Amino acid sequence: METNRADIPLKRIERTDLLGLAKFAEFELEESQIDYFLDELNRQRRALLKLLEARELMEKEGWDQIMSHGIPYSASNRPPLREDIIEPFANGSHILEHAPLTDLVDDTGKGSYFLVPPPP
């Protein structure tokens, strides 16, 4: 399959592609939904390809540097990077009380991290 610089497939999204994605996501689609989603996905794919073509043209013409930032920052006038300061959320246990799955269970019956099940 041919792709472009952003690895967006150039081919149209087919019914088998959509059904495979729906199966992976465990969606049940009715026939009318399949046609609707195929049209929507292909419309969005075409819009992305147009944006990518415009971006590539801008890079080719040298316009990308003009629009990348409003103020040119060189090494002499660049603001210093801010220090990363880790500040734990004060009420994290309250959020975890509502988690469907957490890591190792502590005295409260919940862990300290959300667990995300692997994809099927």
PDB file of N, CA and C in Angstrom:
ATOM      1  N   MET A   1       0.840  -1.177   0.000  1.00  0.00           N
ATOM      2  CA  MET A   1       0.000   0.000   0.000  1.00  0.00           C
ATOM      3  C   MET A   1       0.884   1.240   0.000  1.00  0.00           C
ATOM      4  N   GLU A   2       0.603   2.162  -0.866  1.00  0.00           N
ATOM      5  CA  GLU A   2       1.370   3.394  -0.963  1.00  0.00           C
ATOM      6  C   GLU A   2       0.925   4.360   0.132  1.00  0.00           C
ATOM      7  N   THR A   3       1.893   5.038   0.746  1.00  0.00           N
ATOM      8  CA  THR A   3       1.576   6.034   1.765  1.00  0.00           C
ATOM      9  C   THR A   3       2.316   7.317   1.440  1.00  0.00           C
ATOM     10  N   ASN A   4       1.912   8.398   2.125  1.00  0.00           N
ATOM     11  CA  ASN A   4       2.604   9.663   1.954  1.00  0.00           C
ATOM     12  C   ASN A   4       3.458   9.948   3.186  1.00  0.00           C
ATOM     13  N   ARG A   5       4.011  11.159   3.288  1.00  0.00           N
ATOM     14  CA  ARG A   5       4.956  11.465   4.365  1.00  0.00           C
ATOM     15  C   ARG A   5       4.362  11.268   5.751  1.00  0.00           C
ATOM     16  N   ALA A   6       3.103  11.536   5.935  1.00  0.00           N
ATOM     17  CA  ALA A   6       2.498  11.411   7.259  1.00  0.00           C
ATOM     18  C   ALA A   6       1.940  10.016   7.492  1.00  0.00           C
ATOM     19  N   ASP A   7       2.251   9.078   6.603  1.00  0.00           N
ATOM     20  CA  ASP A   7       1.786   7.698   6.699  1.00  0.00           C
ATOM     21  C   ASP A   7       0.259   7.591   6.708  1.00  0.00           C
ATOM     22  N   ILE A   8      -0.402   8.482   5.998  1.00  0.00           N
ATOM     23  CA  ILE A   8      -1.848   8.376   5.815  1.00  0.00           C
ATOM     24  C   ILE A   8      -2.067   7.541   4.561  1.00  0.00           C
ATOM     25  N   PRO A   9      -2.759   6.411   4.698  1.00  0.00           N
ATOM     26  CA  PRO A   9      -2.976   5.577   3.512  1.00  0.00           C
ATOM     27  C   PRO A   9      -3.668   6.363   2.410  1.00  0.00           C
ATOM     28  N   LEU A  10      -3.174   6.222   1.197  1.00  0.00           N
ATOM     29  CA  LEU A  10      -3.766   6.938   0.075  1.00  0.00           C
ATOM     30  C   LEU A  10      -5.009   6.234  -0.447  1.00  0.00           C
ATOM     31  N   LYS A  11      -5.164   4.966  -0.089  1.00  0.00           N
ATOM     32  CA  LYS A  11      -6.329   4.238  -0.597  1.00  0.00           C
ATOM     33  C   LYS A  11      -7.574   4.564   0.235  1.00  0.00           C
ATOM     34  N   ARG A  12      -8.687   4.365  -0.399  1.00  0.00           N
ATOM     35  CA  ARG A  12      -9.977   4.581   0.263  1.00  0.00           C
ATOM     36  C   ARG A  12     -10.146   3.558   1.379  1.00  0.00           C
ATOM     37  N   ILE A  13     -10.785   3.967   2.473  1.00  0.00           N
ATOM     38  CA  ILE A  13     -11.085   3.037   3.568  1.00  0.00           C
ATOM     39  C   ILE A  13     -12.240   2.154   3.110  1.00  0.00           C
ATOM     40  N   GLU A  14     -12.008   0.872   3.107  1.00  0.00           N
ATOM     41  CA  GLU A  14     -12.991  -0.084   2.587  1.00  0.00           C
ATOM     42  C   GLU A  14     -13.829  -0.664   3.714  1.00  0.00           C
ATOM     43  N   ARG A  15     -14.885  -1.336   3.323  1.00  0.00           N
ATOM     44  CA  ARG A  15     -15.806  -1.961   4.281  1.00  0.00           C
ATOM     45  C   ARG A  15     -15.073  -2.952   5.191  1.00  0.00           C
ATOM     46  N   THR A  16     -14.174  -3.756   4.614  1.00  0.00           N
ATOM     47  CA  THR A  16     -13.446  -4.746   5.421  1.00  0.00           C
ATOM     48  C   THR A  16     -12.548  -4.054   6.455  1.00  0.00           C
ATOM     49  N   ASP A  17     -11.969  -2.884   6.087  1.00  0.00           N
ATOM     50  CA  ASP A  17     -11.153  -2.122   7.042  1.00  0.00           C
ATOM     51  C   ASP A  17     -12.007  -1.670   8.226  1.00  0.00           C
ATOM     52  N   LEU A  18     -13.186  -1.123   7.928  1.00  0.00           N
ATOM     53  CA  LEU A  18     -14.075  -0.632   8.983  1.00  0.00           C
ATOM     54  C   LEU A  18     -14.565  -1.778   9.867  1.00  0.00           C
ATOM     55  N   LEU A  19     -14.939  -2.904   9.258  1.00  0.00           N
ATOM     56  CA  LEU A  19     -15.441  -4.034  10.040  1.00  0.00           C
ATOM     57  C   LEU A  19     -14.341  -4.608  10.935  1.00  0.00           C
ATOM     58  N   GLY A  20     -13.105  -4.629  10.446  1.00  0.00           N
ATOM     59  CA  GLY A  20     -11.986  -5.093  11.278  1.00  0.00           C
ATOM     60  C   GLY A  20     -11.755  -4.169  12.456  1.00  0.00           C
ATOM     61  N   LEU A  21     -11.827  -2.862  12.226  1.00  0.00           N
ATOM     62  CA  LEU A  21     -11.676  -1.892  13.301  1.00  0.00           C
ATOM     63  C   LEU A  21     -12.819  -2.015  14.307  1.00  0.00           C
ATOM     64  N   ALA A  22     -14.039  -2.168  13.814  1.00  0.00           N
ATOM     65  CA  ALA A  22     -15.197  -2.309  14.698  1.00  0.00           C
ATOM     66  C   ALA A  22     -15.074  -3.573  15.553  1.00  0.00           C
ATOM     67  N   LYS A  23     -14.581  -4.647  14.972  1.00  0.00           N
ATOM     68  CA  LYS A  23     -14.397  -5.888  15.728  1.00  0.00           C
ATOM     69  C   LYS A  23     -13.350  -5.693  16.823  1.00  0.00           C
ATOM     70  N   PHE A  24     -12.240  -5.019  16.472  1.00  0.00           N
ATOM     71  CA  PHE A  24     -11.185  -4.757  17.452  1.00  0.00           C
ATOM     72  C   PHE A  24     -11.717  -3.904  18.599  1.00  0.00           C
ATOM     73  N   ALA A  25     -12.557  -2.902  18.284  1.00  0.00           N
ATOM     74  CA  ALA A  25     -13.106  -2.006  19.302  1.00  0.00           C
ATOM     75  C   ALA A  25     -14.343  -2.587  19.974  1.00  0.00           C
ATOM     76  N   GLU A  26     -14.745  -3.778  19.552  1.00  0.00           N
ATOM     77  CA  GLU A  26     -15.926  -4.458  20.086  1.00  0.00           C
ATOM     78  C   GLU A  26     -17.194  -3.630  19.890  1.00  0.00           C
ATOM     79  N   PHE A  27     -17.323  -3.015  18.685  1.00  0.00           N
ATOM     80  CA  PHE A  27     -18.535  -2.288  18.314  1.00  0.00           C
ATOM     81  C   PHE A  27     -19.424  -3.207  17.504  1.00  0.00           C
ATOM     82  N   GLU A  28     -20.703  -3.075  17.705  1.00  0.00           N
ATOM     83  CA  GLU A  28     -21.666  -3.768  16.863  1.00  0.00           C
ATOM     84  C   GLU A  28     -22.325  -2.717  15.985  1.00  0.00           C
ATOM     85  N   LEU A  29     -22.125  -2.821  14.674  1.00  0.00           N
ATOM     86  CA  LEU A  29     -22.647  -1.824  13.752  1.00  0.00           C
ATOM     87  C   LEU A  29     -23.774  -2.408  12.920  1.00  0.00           C
ATOM     88  N   GLU A  30     -24.827  -1.616  12.762  1.00  0.00           N
ATOM     89  CA  GLU A  30     -25.906  -1.993  11.859  1.00  0.00           C
ATOM     90  C   GLU A  30     -25.501  -1.610  10.443  1.00  0.00           C
ATOM     91  N   GLU A  31     -26.188  -2.170   9.464  1.00  0.00           N
ATOM     92  CA  GLU A  31     -25.839  -1.933   8.061  1.00  0.00           C
ATOM     93  C   GLU A  31     -25.848  -0.443   7.709  1.00  0.00           C
ATOM     94  N   SER A  32     -26.841   0.300   8.184  1.00  0.00           N
ATOM     95  CA  SER A  32     -26.908   1.734   7.880  1.00  0.00           C
ATOM     96  C   SER A  32     -25.743   2.494   8.527  1.00  0.00           C
ATOM     97  N   GLN A  33     -25.304   2.032   9.683  1.00  0.00           N
ATOM     98  CA  GLN A  33     -24.179   2.682  10.356  1.00  0.00           C
ATOM     99  C   GLN A  33     -22.876   2.430   9.613  1.00  0.00           C
ATOM    100  N   ILE A  34     -22.753   1.238   9.035  1.00  0.00           N
ATOM    101  CA  ILE A  34     -21.535   0.914   8.294  1.00  0.00           C
ATOM    102  C   ILE A  34     -21.370   1.882   7.129  1.00  0.00           C
ATOM    103  N   ASP A  35     -22.437   2.075   6.358  1.00  0.00           N
ATOM    104  CA  ASP A  35     -22.371   2.992   5.217  1.00  0.00           C
ATOM    105  C   ASP A  35     -22.072   4.416   5.677  1.00  0.00           C
ATOM    106  N   TYR A  36     -22.712   4.847   6.762  1.00  0.00           N
ATOM    107  CA  TYR A  36     -22.496   6.196   7.289  1.00  0.00           C
ATOM    108  C   TYR A  36     -21.041   6.381   7.721  1.00  0.00           C
ATOM    109  N   PHE A  37     -20.515   5.446   8.508  1.00  0.00           N
ATOM    110  CA  PHE A  37     -19.148   5.576   9.000  1.00  0.00           C
ATOM    111  C   PHE A  37     -18.121   5.497   7.867  1.00  0.00           C
ATOM    112  N   LEU A  38     -18.371   4.662   6.866  1.00  0.00           N
ATOM    113  CA  LEU A  38     -17.466   4.607   5.715  1.00  0.00           C
ATOM    114  C   LEU A  38     -17.396   5.958   5.017  1.00  0.00           C
ATOM    115  N   ASP A  39     -18.560   6.564   4.791  1.00  0.00           N
ATOM    116  CA  ASP A  39     -18.584   7.884   4.152  1.00  0.00           C
ATOM    117  C   ASP A  39     -17.858   8.919   5.003  1.00  0.00           C
ATOM    118  N   GLU A  40     -18.124   8.931   6.303  1.00  0.00           N
ATOM    119  CA  GLU A  40     -17.503   9.912   7.198  1.00  0.00           C
ATOM    120  C   GLU A  40     -15.992   9.730   7.280  1.00  0.00           C
ATOM    121  N   LEU A  41     -15.541   8.505   7.461  1.00  0.00           N
ATOM    122  CA  LEU A  41     -14.100   8.257   7.569  1.00  0.00           C
ATOM    123  C   LEU A  41     -13.369   8.640   6.287  1.00  0.00           C
ATOM    124  N   ASN A  42     -13.954   8.323   5.153  1.00  0.00           N
ATOM    125  CA  ASN A  42     -13.308   8.679   3.891  1.00  0.00           C
ATOM    126  C   ASN A  42     -13.343  10.180   3.642  1.00  0.00           C
ATOM    127  N   ARG A  43     -14.382  10.849   4.087  1.00  0.00           N
ATOM    128  CA  ARG A  43     -14.446  12.308   3.978  1.00  0.00           C
ATOM    129  C   ARG A  43     -13.351  12.938   4.849  1.00  0.00           C
ATOM    130  N   GLN A  44     -13.186  12.445   6.063  1.00  0.00           N
ATOM    131  CA  GLN A  44     -12.144  12.967   6.948  1.00  0.00           C
ATOM    132  C   GLN A  44     -10.753  12.647   6.410  1.00  0.00           C
ATOM    133  N   ARG A  45     -10.568  11.471   5.834  1.00  0.00           N
ATOM    134  CA  ARG A  45      -9.294  11.098   5.249  1.00  0.00           C
ATOM    135  C   ARG A  45      -8.930  12.042   4.113  1.00  0.00           C
ATOM    136  N   ARG A  46      -9.909  12.366   3.252  1.00  0.00           N
ATOM    137  CA  ARG A  46      -9.648  13.304   2.154  1.00  0.00           C
ATOM    138  C   ARG A  46      -9.273  14.686   2.688  1.00  0.00           C
ATOM    139  N   ALA A  47      -9.941  15.139   3.753  1.00  0.00           N
ATOM    140  CA  ALA A  47      -9.623  16.441   4.338  1.00  0.00           C
ATOM    141  C   ALA A  47      -8.197  16.442   4.905  1.00  0.00           C
ATOM    142  N   LEU A  48      -7.802  15.351   5.562  1.00  0.00           N
ATOM    143  CA  LEU A  48      -6.437  15.259   6.088  1.00  0.00           C
ATOM    144  C   LEU A  48      -5.403  15.281   4.961  1.00  0.00           C
ATOM    145  N   LEU A  49      -5.700  14.593   3.882  1.00  0.00           N
ATOM    146  CA  LEU A  49      -4.772  14.587   2.751  1.00  0.00           C
ATOM    147  C   LEU A  49      -4.616  15.990   2.156  1.00  0.00           C
ATOM    148  N   LYS A  50      -5.704  16.753   2.083  1.00  0.00           N
ATOM    149  CA  LYS A  50      -5.623  18.127   1.583  1.00  0.00           C
ATOM    150  C   LYS A  50      -4.773  18.989   2.505  1.00  0.00           C
ATOM    151  N   LEU A  51      -4.955  18.829   3.804  1.00  0.00           N
ATOM    152  CA  LEU A  51      -4.136  19.585   4.755  1.00  0.00           C
ATOM    153  C   LEU A  51      -2.666  19.209   4.630  1.00  0.00           C
ATOM    154  N   LEU A  52      -2.400  17.937   4.460  1.00  0.00           N
ATOM    155  CA  LEU A  52      -1.026  17.481   4.311  1.00  0.00           C
ATOM    156  C   LEU A  52      -0.402  18.048   3.043  1.00  0.00           C
ATOM    157  N   GLU A  53      -1.149  18.063   1.955  1.00  0.00           N
ATOM    158  CA  GLU A  53      -0.636  18.640   0.714  1.00  0.00           C
ATOM    159  C   GLU A  53      -0.315  20.120   0.896  1.00  0.00           C
ATOM    160  N   ALA A  54      -1.183  20.847   1.592  1.00  0.00           N
ATOM    161  CA  ALA A  54      -0.942  22.275   1.838  1.00  0.00           C
ATOM    162  C   ALA A  54       0.305  22.458   2.693  1.00  0.00           C
ATOM    163  N   ARG A  55       0.468  21.618   3.695  1.00  0.00           N
ATOM    164  CA  ARG A  55       1.641  21.707   4.568  1.00  0.00           C
ATOM    165  C   ARG A  55       2.923  21.430   3.786  1.00  0.00           C
ATOM    166  N   GLU A  56       2.897  20.412   2.946  1.00  0.00           N
ATOM    167  CA  GLU A  56       4.072  20.087   2.149  1.00  0.00           C
ATOM    168  C   GLU A  56       4.418  21.223   1.190  1.00  0.00           C
ATOM    169  N   LEU A  57       3.405  21.864   0.614  1.00  0.00           N
ATOM    170  CA  LEU A  57       3.646  23.001  -0.259  1.00  0.00           C
ATOM    171  C   LEU A  57       4.269  24.156   0.521  1.00  0.00           C
ATOM    172  N   MET A  58       3.768  24.396   1.731  1.00  0.00           N
ATOM    173  CA  MET A  58       4.322  25.466   2.563  1.00  0.00           C
ATOM    174  C   MET A  58       5.785  25.188   2.894  1.00  0.00           C
ATOM    175  N   GLU A  59       6.103  23.939   3.219  1.00  0.00           N
ATOM    176  CA  GLU A  59       7.494  23.588   3.523  1.00  0.00           C
ATOM    177  C   GLU A  59       8.373  23.771   2.288  1.00  0.00           C
ATOM    178  N   LYS A  60       7.858  23.379   1.131  1.00  0.00           N
ATOM    179  CA  LYS A  60       8.618  23.498  -0.112  1.00  0.00           C
ATOM    180  C   LYS A  60       8.899  24.960  -0.445  1.00  0.00           C
ATOM    181  N   GLU A  61       7.933  25.825  -0.184  1.00  0.00           N
ATOM    182  CA  GLU A  61       8.076  27.249  -0.482  1.00  0.00           C
ATOM    183  C   GLU A  61       8.795  28.017   0.629  1.00  0.00           C
ATOM    184  N   GLY A  62       9.056  27.339   1.766  1.00  0.00           N
ATOM    185  CA  GLY A  62       9.744  28.002   2.864  1.00  0.00           C
ATOM    186  C   GLY A  62       8.824  28.790   3.778  1.00  0.00           C
ATOM    187  N   TRP A  63       7.524  28.569   3.685  1.00  0.00           N
ATOM    188  CA  TRP A  63       6.571  29.314   4.516  1.00  0.00           C
ATOM    189  C   TRP A  63       6.416  28.720   5.897  1.00  0.00           C
ATOM    190  N   ASP A  64       6.834  27.500   6.099  1.00  0.00           N
ATOM    191  CA  ASP A  64       6.604  26.852   7.390  1.00  0.00           C
ATOM    192  C   ASP A  64       7.350  27.554   8.518  1.00  0.00           C
ATOM    193  N   GLN A  65       8.523  28.109   8.260  1.00  0.00           N
ATOM    194  CA  GLN A  65       9.258  28.802   9.314  1.00  0.00           C
ATOM    195  C   GLN A  65       8.577  30.109   9.696  1.00  0.00           C
ATOM    196  N   ILE A  66       7.964  30.758   8.742  1.00  0.00           N
ATOM    197  CA  ILE A  66       7.278  32.017   9.022  1.00  0.00           C
ATOM    198  C   ILE A  66       6.115  31.786   9.980  1.00  0.00           C
ATOM    199  N   MET A  67       5.400  30.690   9.806  1.00  0.00           N
ATOM    200  CA  MET A  67       4.181  30.454  10.578  1.00  0.00           C
ATOM    201  C   MET A  67       4.408  29.591  11.806  1.00  0.00           C
ATOM    202  N   SER A  68       5.632  29.109  12.027  1.00  0.00           N
ATOM    203  CA  SER A  68       5.838  28.197  13.142  1.00  0.00           C
ATOM    204  C   SER A  68       5.767  28.903  14.484  1.00  0.00           C
ATOM    205  N   HIS A  69       6.102  30.193  14.517  1.00  0.00           N
ATOM    206  CA  HIS A  69       6.041  30.934  15.773  1.00  0.00           C
ATOM    207  C   HIS A  69       5.984  32.419  15.454  1.00  0.00           C
ATOM    208  N   GLY A  70       5.256  33.182  16.235  1.00  0.00           N
ATOM    209  CA  GLY A  70       5.109  34.612  15.993  1.00  0.00           C
ATOM    210  C   GLY A  70       6.359  35.405  16.289  1.00  0.00           C
ATOM    211  N   ILE A  71       7.173  34.944  17.212  1.00  0.00           N
ATOM    212  CA  ILE A  71       8.381  35.660  17.603  1.00  0.00           C
ATOM    213  C   ILE A  71       9.579  34.751  17.352  1.00  0.00           C
ATOM    214  N   PRO A  72      10.557  35.204  16.564  1.00  0.00           N
ATOM    215  CA  PRO A  72      11.733  34.355  16.354  1.00  0.00           C
ATOM    216  C   PRO A  72      12.601  34.332  17.607  1.00  0.00           C
ATOM    217  N   TYR A  73      12.840  33.143  18.140  1.00  0.00           N
ATOM    218  CA  TYR A  73      13.684  32.998  19.322  1.00  0.00           C
ATOM    219  C   TYR A  73      15.024  32.413  18.905  1.00  0.00           C
ATOM    220  N   SER A  74      16.067  33.143  19.188  1.00  0.00           N
ATOM    221  CA  SER A  74      17.408  32.619  18.971  1.00  0.00           C
ATOM    222  C   SER A  74      17.978  32.245  20.331  1.00  0.00           C
ATOM    223  N   ALA A  75      19.186  31.736  20.341  1.00  0.00           N
ATOM    224  CA  ALA A  75      19.805  31.338  21.616  1.00  0.00           C
ATOM    225  C   ALA A  75      19.978  32.538  22.543  1.00  0.00           C
ATOM    226  N   SER A  76      20.134  33.738  21.989  1.00  0.00           N
ATOM    227  CA  SER A  76      20.378  34.914  22.837  1.00  0.00           C
ATOM    228  C   SER A  76      19.119  35.482  23.473  1.00  0.00           C
ATOM    229  N   ASN A  77      17.963  35.321  22.847  1.00  0.00           N
ATOM    230  CA  ASN A  77      16.745  35.898  23.437  1.00  0.00           C
ATOM    231  C   ASN A  77      15.706  34.851  23.831  1.00  0.00           C
ATOM    232  N   ARG A  78      16.091  33.596  23.870  1.00  0.00           N
ATOM    233  CA  ARG A  78      15.178  32.519  24.250  1.00  0.00           C
ATOM    234  C   ARG A  78      14.974  32.529  25.765  1.00  0.00           C
ATOM    235  N   PRO A  79      13.730  32.480  26.241  1.00  0.00           N
ATOM    236  CA  PRO A  79      13.516  32.418  27.685  1.00  0.00           C
ATOM    237  C   PRO A  79      14.034  31.096  28.242  1.00  0.00           C
ATOM    238  N   PRO A  80      14.483  31.083  29.491  1.00  0.00           N
ATOM    239  CA  PRO A  80      14.997  29.832  30.055  1.00  0.00           C
ATOM    240  C   PRO A  80      13.869  28.822  30.258  1.00  0.00           C
ATOM    241  N   LEU A  81      14.216  27.546  30.196  1.00  0.00           N
ATOM    242  CA  LEU A  81      13.235  26.499  30.466  1.00  0.00           C
ATOM    243  C   LEU A  81      12.861  26.536  31.939  1.00  0.00           C
ATOM    244  N   ARG A  82      11.602  26.320  32.207  1.00  0.00           N
ATOM    245  CA  ARG A  82      11.195  26.294  33.609  1.00  0.00           C
ATOM    246  C   ARG A  82      11.533  24.933  34.206  1.00  0.00           C
ATOM    247  N   GLU A  83      11.759  24.914  35.495  1.00  0.00           N
ATOM    248  CA  GLU A  83      12.081  23.678  36.185  1.00  0.00           C
ATOM    249  C   GLU A  83      10.812  22.853  36.369  1.00  0.00           C
ATOM    250  N   ASP A  84      10.914  21.553  36.122  1.00  0.00           N
ATOM    251  CA  ASP A  84       9.779  20.672  36.367  1.00  0.00           C
ATOM    252  C   ASP A  84       9.670  20.410  37.861  1.00  0.00           C
ATOM    253  N   ILE A  85       8.517  20.734  38.413  1.00  0.00           N
ATOM    254  CA  ILE A  85       8.281  20.513  39.839  1.00  0.00           C
ATOM    255  C   ILE A  85       7.120  19.544  39.962  1.00  0.00           C
ATOM    256  N   ILE A  86       7.365  18.410  40.584  1.00  0.00           N
ATOM    257  CA  ILE A  86       6.322  17.403  40.750  1.00  0.00           C
ATOM    258  C   ILE A  86       5.542  17.730  42.014  1.00  0.00           C
ATOM    259  N   GLU A  87       4.245  17.941  41.837  1.00  0.00           N
ATOM    260  CA  GLU A  87       3.369  18.212  42.963  1.00  0.00           C
ATOM    261  C   GLU A  87       2.220  17.210  42.918  1.00  0.00           C
ATOM    262  N   PRO A  88       2.256  16.180  43.736  1.00  0.00           N
ATOM    263  CA  PRO A  88       1.182  15.181  43.717  1.00  0.00           C
ATOM    264  C   PRO A  88      -0.174  15.819  44.046  1.00  0.00           C
ATOM    265  N   PHE A  89      -1.202  15.305  43.383  1.00  0.00           N
ATOM    266  CA  PHE A  89      -2.550  15.794  43.646  1.00  0.00           C
ATOM    267  C   PHE A  89      -2.945  15.406  45.062  1.00  0.00           C
ATOM    268  N   ALA A  90      -3.468  16.359  45.802  1.00  0.00           N
ATOM    269  CA  ALA A  90      -3.756  16.147  47.224  1.00  0.00           C
ATOM    270  C   ALA A  90      -4.856  15.119  47.470  1.00  0.00           C
ATOM    271  N   ASN A  91      -5.776  14.982  46.531  1.00  0.00           N
ATOM    272  CA  ASN A  91      -6.927  14.119  46.773  1.00  0.00           C
ATOM    273  C   ASN A  91      -6.988  12.979  45.765  1.00  0.00           C
ATOM    274  N   GLY A  92      -5.838  12.397  45.421  1.00  0.00           N
ATOM    275  CA  GLY A  92      -5.798  11.326  44.432  1.00  0.00           C
ATOM    276  C   GLY A  92      -6.565  10.085  44.840  1.00  0.00           C
ATOM    277  N   SER A  93      -6.595   9.793  46.136  1.00  0.00           N
ATOM    278  CA  SER A  93      -7.314   8.595  46.590  1.00  0.00           C
ATOM    279  C   SER A  93      -8.808   8.720  46.314  1.00  0.00           C
ATOM    280  N   HIS A  94      -9.340   9.933  46.358  1.00  0.00           N
ATOM    281  CA  HIS A  94     -10.760  10.134  46.065  1.00  0.00           C
ATOM    282  C   HIS A  94     -11.064   9.776  44.611  1.00  0.00           C
ATOM    283  N   ILE A  95     -10.167  10.132  43.711  1.00  0.00           N
ATOM    284  CA  ILE A  95     -10.358   9.809  42.297  1.00  0.00           C
ATOM    285  C   ILE A  95     -10.278   8.301  42.099  1.00  0.00           C
ATOM    286  N   LEU A  96      -9.318   7.661  42.746  1.00  0.00           N
ATOM    287  CA  LEU A  96      -9.138   6.220  42.579  1.00  0.00           C
ATOM    288  C   LEU A  96     -10.289   5.402  43.166  1.00  0.00           C
ATOM    289  N   GLU A  97     -11.062   5.993  44.077  1.00  0.00           N
ATOM    290  CA  GLU A  97     -12.227   5.281  44.619  1.00  0.00           C
ATOM    291  C   GLU A  97     -13.225   4.930  43.525  1.00  0.00           C
ATOM    292  N   HIS A  98     -13.213   5.683  42.443  1.00  0.00           N
ATOM    293  CA  HIS A  98     -14.164   5.468  41.354  1.00  0.00           C
ATOM    294  C   HIS A  98     -13.571   4.658  40.199  1.00  0.00           C
ATOM    295  N   ALA A  99     -12.326   4.223  40.347  1.00  0.00           N
ATOM    296  CA  ALA A  99     -11.673   3.463  39.282  1.00  0.00           C
ATOM    297  C   ALA A  99     -12.219   2.038  39.242  1.00  0.00           C
ATOM    298  N   PRO A 100     -12.491   1.518  38.044  1.00  0.00           N
ATOM    299  CA  PRO A 100     -12.971   0.131  37.966  1.00  0.00           C
ATOM    300  C   PRO A 100     -11.890  -0.869  38.363  1.00  0.00           C
ATOM    301  N   LEU A 101     -10.625  -0.582  38.005  1.00  0.00           N
ATOM    302  CA  LEU A 101      -9.508  -1.461  38.364  1.00  0.00           C
ATOM    303  C   LEU A 101      -8.335  -0.599  38.811  1.00  0.00           C
ATOM    304  N   THR A 102      -7.651  -1.065  39.862  1.00  0.00           N
ATOM    305  CA  THR A 102      -6.433  -0.388  40.296  1.00  0.00           C
ATOM    306  C   THR A 102      -5.349  -1.431  40.510  1.00  0.00           C
ATOM    307  N   ASP A 103      -4.150  -0.951  40.846  1.00  0.00           N
ATOM    308  CA  ASP A 103      -3.037  -1.879  41.069  1.00  0.00           C
ATOM    309  C   ASP A 103      -3.190  -2.551  42.425  1.00  0.00           C
ATOM    310  N   LEU A 104      -2.115  -2.865  43.081  1.00  0.00           N
ATOM    311  CA  LEU A 104      -2.144  -3.577  44.355  1.00  0.00           C
ATOM    312  C   LEU A 104      -3.085  -2.906  45.358  1.00  0.00           C
ATOM    313  N   VAL A 105      -3.831  -3.692  46.064  1.00  0.00           N
ATOM    314  CA  VAL A 105      -4.831  -3.170  46.990  1.00  0.00           C
ATOM    315  C   VAL A 105      -4.160  -2.798  48.314  1.00  0.00           C
ATOM    316  N   ASP A 106      -4.520  -1.618  48.821  1.00  0.00           N
ATOM    317  CA  ASP A 106      -3.992  -1.196  50.119  1.00  0.00           C
ATOM    318  C   ASP A 106      -5.089  -1.338  51.180  1.00  0.00           C
ATOM    319  N   ASP A 107      -4.923  -0.713  52.342  1.00  0.00           N
ATOM    320  CA  ASP A 107      -5.891  -0.838  53.450  1.00  0.00           C
ATOM    321  C   ASP A 107      -7.280  -0.343  53.079  1.00  0.00           C
ATOM    322  N   THR A 108      -7.367   0.607  52.142  1.00  0.00           N
ATOM    323  CA  THR A 108      -8.671   1.162  51.766  1.00  0.00           C
ATOM    324  C   THR A 108      -9.401   0.287  50.762  1.00  0.00           C
ATOM    325  N   GLY A 109      -8.740  -0.740  50.258  1.00  0.00           N
ATOM    326  CA  GLY A 109      -9.377  -1.602  49.262  1.00  0.00           C
ATOM    327  C   GLY A 109      -9.097  -1.164  47.844  1.00  0.00           C
ATOM    328  N   LYS A 110      -8.347  -0.091  47.691  1.00  0.00           N
ATOM    329  CA  LYS A 110      -7.990   0.396  46.360  1.00  0.00           C
ATOM    330  C   LYS A 110      -6.484   0.569  46.278  1.00  0.00           C
ATOM    331  N   GLY A 111      -5.971   0.598  45.065  1.00  0.00           N
ATOM    332  CA  GLY A 111      -4.541   0.784  44.867  1.00  0.00           C
ATOM    333  C   GLY A 111      -4.210   2.231  44.622  1.00  0.00           C
ATOM    334  N   SER A 112      -3.031   2.472  44.061  1.00  0.00           N
ATOM    335  CA  SER A 112      -2.617   3.841  43.842  1.00  0.00           C
ATOM    336  C   SER A 112      -2.512   4.216  42.349  1.00  0.00           C
ATOM    337  N   TYR A 113      -2.830   3.286  41.451  1.00  0.00           N
ATOM    338  CA  TYR A 113      -2.784   3.558  40.016  1.00  0.00           C
ATOM    339  C   TYR A 113      -3.977   2.912  39.332  1.00  0.00           C
ATOM    340  N   PHE A 114      -4.480   3.584  38.261  1.00  0.00           N
ATOM    341  CA  PHE A 114      -5.498   2.980  37.426  1.00  0.00           C
ATOM    342  C   PHE A 114      -4.884   1.818  36.656  1.00  0.00           C
ATOM    343  N   LEU A 115      -5.618   0.748  36.486  1.00  0.00           N
ATOM    344  CA  LEU A 115      -5.207  -0.341  35.614  1.00  0.00           C
ATOM    345  C   LEU A 115      -6.069  -0.307  34.365  1.00  0.00           C
ATOM    346  N   VAL A 116      -5.434  -0.415  33.232  1.00  0.00           N
ATOM    347  CA  VAL A 116      -6.145  -0.427  31.963  1.00  0.00           C
ATOM    348  C   VAL A 116      -5.993  -1.835  31.389  1.00  0.00           C
ATOM    349  N   PRO A 117      -7.107  -2.512  31.131  1.00  0.00           N
ATOM    350  CA  PRO A 117      -6.999  -3.881  30.602  1.00  0.00           C
ATOM    351  C   PRO A 117      -6.398  -3.858  29.204  1.00  0.00           C
ATOM    352  N   PRO A 118      -5.679  -4.924  28.831  1.00  0.00           N
ATOM    353  CA  PRO A 118      -5.100  -4.973  27.480  1.00  0.00           C
ATOM    354  C   PRO A 118      -6.214  -5.100  26.442  1.00  0.00           C
ATOM    355  N   PRO A 119      -5.952  -4.671  25.216  1.00  0.00           N
ATOM    356  CA  PRO A 119      -6.961  -4.813  24.172  1.00  0.00           C
ATOM    357  C   PRO A 119      -7.216  -6.286  23.891  1.00  0.00           C
ATOM    358  N   PRO A 120      -8.422  -6.598  23.451  1.00  0.00           N
ATOM    359  CA  PRO A 120      -8.747  -8.003  23.178  1.00  0.00           C
ATOM    360  C   PRO A 120      -7.956  -8.564  22.027  1.00  0.00           C
TER     361      PRO A 120
END
